[in-house]
Protein backbone atom coordinates (compact mmCIF):
# COMPACT_ATOMS: atom_id res chain seq x y z
CA UNK A 1 -11.16 61.11 42.56
CA UNK A 2 -7.61 59.80 42.78
CA UNK A 3 -4.74 61.41 40.91
CA UNK A 4 -3.89 58.00 39.42
CA UNK A 5 -7.16 58.00 37.48
CA UNK A 6 -6.92 61.68 36.56
CA UNK A 7 -3.42 61.16 35.22
CA UNK A 8 -4.88 58.61 32.79
CA UNK A 9 -7.23 61.25 31.28
CA UNK A 10 -5.84 63.71 28.72
CA UNK A 11 -7.19 66.47 26.50
CA UNK A 12 -5.90 67.22 23.02
CA UNK A 13 -6.86 69.65 20.28
CA UNK A 14 -7.04 68.49 16.71
CA UNK A 15 -8.25 65.87 14.30
CA UNK A 16 -9.09 62.53 15.91
CA UNK A 17 -8.43 60.69 12.63
CA UNK A 18 -4.71 61.44 12.88
CA UNK A 19 -4.12 60.14 16.41
CA UNK A 20 -1.80 57.20 16.93
CA UNK A 21 -3.86 55.32 19.49
CA UNK A 22 -5.22 51.79 19.71
CA UNK A 23 -8.82 52.91 19.15
CA UNK A 24 -10.75 56.04 18.30
CA UNK A 25 -14.41 56.57 19.01
CA UNK A 26 -16.79 57.57 16.25
CA UNK A 27 -19.78 59.71 17.21
CA UNK A 28 -21.99 57.80 14.80
CA UNK A 29 -25.63 57.77 13.82
CA UNK A 30 -27.85 54.70 14.25
CA UNK A 31 -27.13 53.38 10.75
CA UNK A 32 -23.32 53.43 11.25
CA UNK A 33 -23.10 54.29 7.55
CA UNK A 34 -21.38 57.66 7.87
CA UNK A 35 -22.64 61.17 8.14
CA UNK A 36 -21.28 64.61 8.88
CA UNK A 37 -18.82 65.92 11.45
CA UNK A 38 -16.56 63.41 13.18
CA UNK A 39 -18.49 60.51 11.66
CA UNK A 40 -17.88 61.66 8.10
CA UNK A 41 -14.24 62.50 8.78
CA UNK A 42 -13.58 59.03 10.21
CA UNK A 43 -15.28 57.28 7.31
CA UNK A 44 -13.33 59.35 4.76
CA UNK A 45 -9.99 58.77 6.48
CA UNK A 46 -10.55 55.03 7.05
CA UNK A 47 -11.60 54.34 3.47
CA UNK A 48 -14.45 52.37 1.89
CA UNK A 49 -13.59 49.19 3.79
CA UNK A 50 -14.95 50.77 6.96
CA UNK A 51 -18.30 51.42 5.33
CA UNK A 52 -18.44 47.82 4.09
CA UNK A 53 -17.78 46.46 7.59
CA UNK A 54 -20.33 48.85 9.11
CA UNK A 55 -23.00 47.69 6.66
CA UNK A 56 -22.61 44.17 8.03
CA UNK A 57 -23.20 45.34 11.63
CA UNK A 58 -26.86 46.19 11.13
CA UNK A 59 -26.77 49.56 12.88
CA UNK A 60 -26.44 50.44 16.54
CA UNK A 61 -28.98 51.59 19.14
CA UNK A 62 -28.55 54.87 20.98
CA UNK A 63 -26.37 54.40 24.06
CA UNK A 64 -24.62 51.34 22.64
CA UNK A 65 -21.33 50.79 20.81
CA UNK A 66 -19.86 48.48 18.19
CA UNK A 67 -16.25 47.98 17.13
CA UNK A 68 -14.63 47.68 13.70
CA UNK A 69 -11.14 47.67 12.29
CA UNK A 70 -9.50 51.04 11.64
CA UNK A 71 -8.38 50.28 8.07
CA UNK A 72 -6.47 53.33 6.74
CA UNK A 73 -6.43 55.10 10.12
CA UNK A 74 -3.45 54.98 12.47
CA UNK A 75 -5.83 53.49 15.05
CA UNK A 76 -6.25 49.72 14.97
CA UNK A 77 -9.95 50.00 15.86
CA UNK A 78 -12.90 52.35 15.52
CA UNK A 79 -15.50 52.09 18.25
CA UNK A 80 -18.79 53.47 16.95
CA UNK A 81 -21.25 54.85 19.49
CA UNK A 82 -24.58 56.55 19.04
CA UNK A 83 -25.18 59.38 21.45
CA UNK A 84 -28.55 60.84 22.33
CA UNK A 85 -30.11 63.81 20.62
CA UNK A 86 -30.44 66.45 23.31
CA UNK A 87 -34.09 67.31 24.01
CA UNK A 88 -33.79 69.55 27.05
CA UNK A 89 -32.25 67.05 29.46
CA UNK A 90 -35.42 65.43 30.80
CA UNK A 91 -35.59 62.50 28.38
CA UNK A 92 -32.86 60.27 29.80
CA UNK A 93 -30.12 61.91 27.75
CA UNK A 94 -27.50 61.83 30.52
CA UNK A 95 -28.01 58.09 31.12
CA UNK A 96 -27.75 57.39 27.39
CA UNK A 97 -24.61 59.51 27.07
CA UNK A 98 -23.00 57.79 30.06
CA UNK A 99 -23.89 54.45 28.49
CA UNK A 100 -22.11 55.46 25.27
CA UNK A 101 -18.89 56.14 27.12
CA UNK A 102 -19.16 53.04 29.30
CA UNK A 103 -19.81 50.76 26.33
CA UNK A 104 -16.86 52.23 24.41
CA UNK A 105 -14.57 51.69 27.40
CA UNK A 106 -15.85 48.13 27.83
CA UNK A 107 -15.12 47.31 24.18
CA UNK A 108 -11.69 48.96 24.35
CA UNK A 109 -10.75 46.91 27.42
CA UNK A 110 -12.09 43.69 25.87
CA UNK A 111 -9.91 44.30 22.80
CA UNK A 112 -6.82 45.09 24.92
CA UNK A 113 -6.67 48.74 23.87
CA UNK A 114 -4.15 50.64 25.98
CA UNK A 115 -5.06 54.00 24.43
CA UNK A 116 -8.49 55.29 23.47
CA UNK A 117 -9.54 58.64 22.02
CA UNK A 118 -13.02 60.16 22.25
CA UNK A 119 -14.60 63.12 20.48
CA UNK A 120 -17.29 65.12 22.31
CA UNK A 121 -20.08 62.60 21.66
CA UNK A 122 -23.51 64.18 20.97
CA UNK A 123 -22.16 67.74 21.13
CA UNK A 124 -22.36 68.50 17.41
CA UNK A 125 -25.61 68.31 15.49
CA UNK A 126 -27.18 66.27 18.34
CA UNK A 127 -27.08 69.48 20.41
CA UNK A 128 -25.84 68.24 23.78
CA UNK A 129 -24.53 71.25 25.79
CA UNK A 130 -20.75 71.03 26.06
CA UNK A 131 -20.47 71.66 29.80
CA UNK A 132 -23.12 69.05 30.64
CA UNK A 133 -21.62 66.50 28.24
CA UNK A 134 -18.17 67.08 29.73
CA UNK A 135 -19.48 66.42 33.26
CA UNK A 136 -21.27 63.20 32.27
CA UNK A 137 -18.49 61.83 30.11
CA UNK A 138 -15.59 62.66 32.44
CA UNK A 139 -17.43 61.19 35.44
CA UNK A 140 -18.25 58.01 33.51
CA UNK A 141 -14.68 57.54 32.33
CA UNK A 142 -13.15 58.32 35.72
CA UNK A 143 -15.46 55.79 37.39
CA UNK A 144 -14.63 53.09 34.82
CA UNK A 145 -10.89 53.65 35.16
CA UNK A 146 -11.03 53.12 38.93
CA UNK A 147 -12.00 49.50 38.24
CA UNK A 148 -10.09 48.71 35.04
CA UNK A 149 -6.44 48.67 34.03
CA UNK A 150 -7.41 49.20 30.39
CA UNK A 151 -7.41 51.53 28.70
CA UNK A 152 -4.31 52.95 30.35
CA UNK A 153 -4.90 56.35 28.74
CA UNK A 154 -8.11 58.05 27.59
CA UNK A 155 -7.81 61.12 25.41
CA UNK A 156 -10.51 63.57 24.42
CA UNK A 157 -9.48 64.86 21.01
CA UNK A 158 -11.52 68.01 20.56
CA UNK A 159 -11.52 69.91 17.30
CA UNK A 160 -13.54 73.00 18.28
CA UNK A 161 -11.92 75.45 20.72
CA UNK A 162 -15.22 75.76 22.65
CA UNK A 163 -15.31 71.99 23.19
CA UNK A 164 -11.72 71.91 24.42
CA UNK A 165 -12.38 74.82 26.78
CA UNK A 166 -15.51 73.18 28.24
CA UNK A 167 -13.78 69.85 28.88
CA UNK A 168 -10.69 71.57 30.27
CA UNK A 169 -12.81 73.57 32.73
CA UNK A 170 -14.73 70.53 33.98
CA UNK A 171 -11.55 68.49 34.29
CA UNK A 172 -9.80 71.26 36.25
CA UNK A 173 -12.77 72.13 38.45
CA UNK A 174 -13.84 68.59 39.26
CA UNK A 175 -10.80 66.35 39.14
CA UNK A 176 -7.80 68.50 39.96
CA UNK A 177 -7.40 70.12 43.35
CA UNK A 178 -7.08 73.92 43.20
């Protein structure tokens, strides 16, 4: 993994709804109509216009992504992705999770987003183990960035200290020489 790609990946602690980036990713459910965790926080911060636009999208399959305006958020766009529910790791979860990240990156690049922020997709109520999710997501993003100029910067904005620690460890162990 080249340092050029690694330098385009950042970690941050905090609330993804407050980031000043071109797009934030919503760890959504299949309906795209809001829920708990990051999904609920994004819907509350963006305002009712987001829900109205999401209603018109007709949902989203697991492993896919759809894009909307950001409305009252600092971000211009919200990219909604539906991660897999973790069922032990033998049901294609890693492929579906990788697909989530790839599809979000593809949409961000297509909409000329220079900066993109992710939460830890599927790591909340969907039960994906943090260390495994960090490995899949960081590898997917690093691979995408080797072939694309956009986004120029990808940020994981992680609210829970355990999530930040897991992503930091994988990033340090895998992508930064010791």
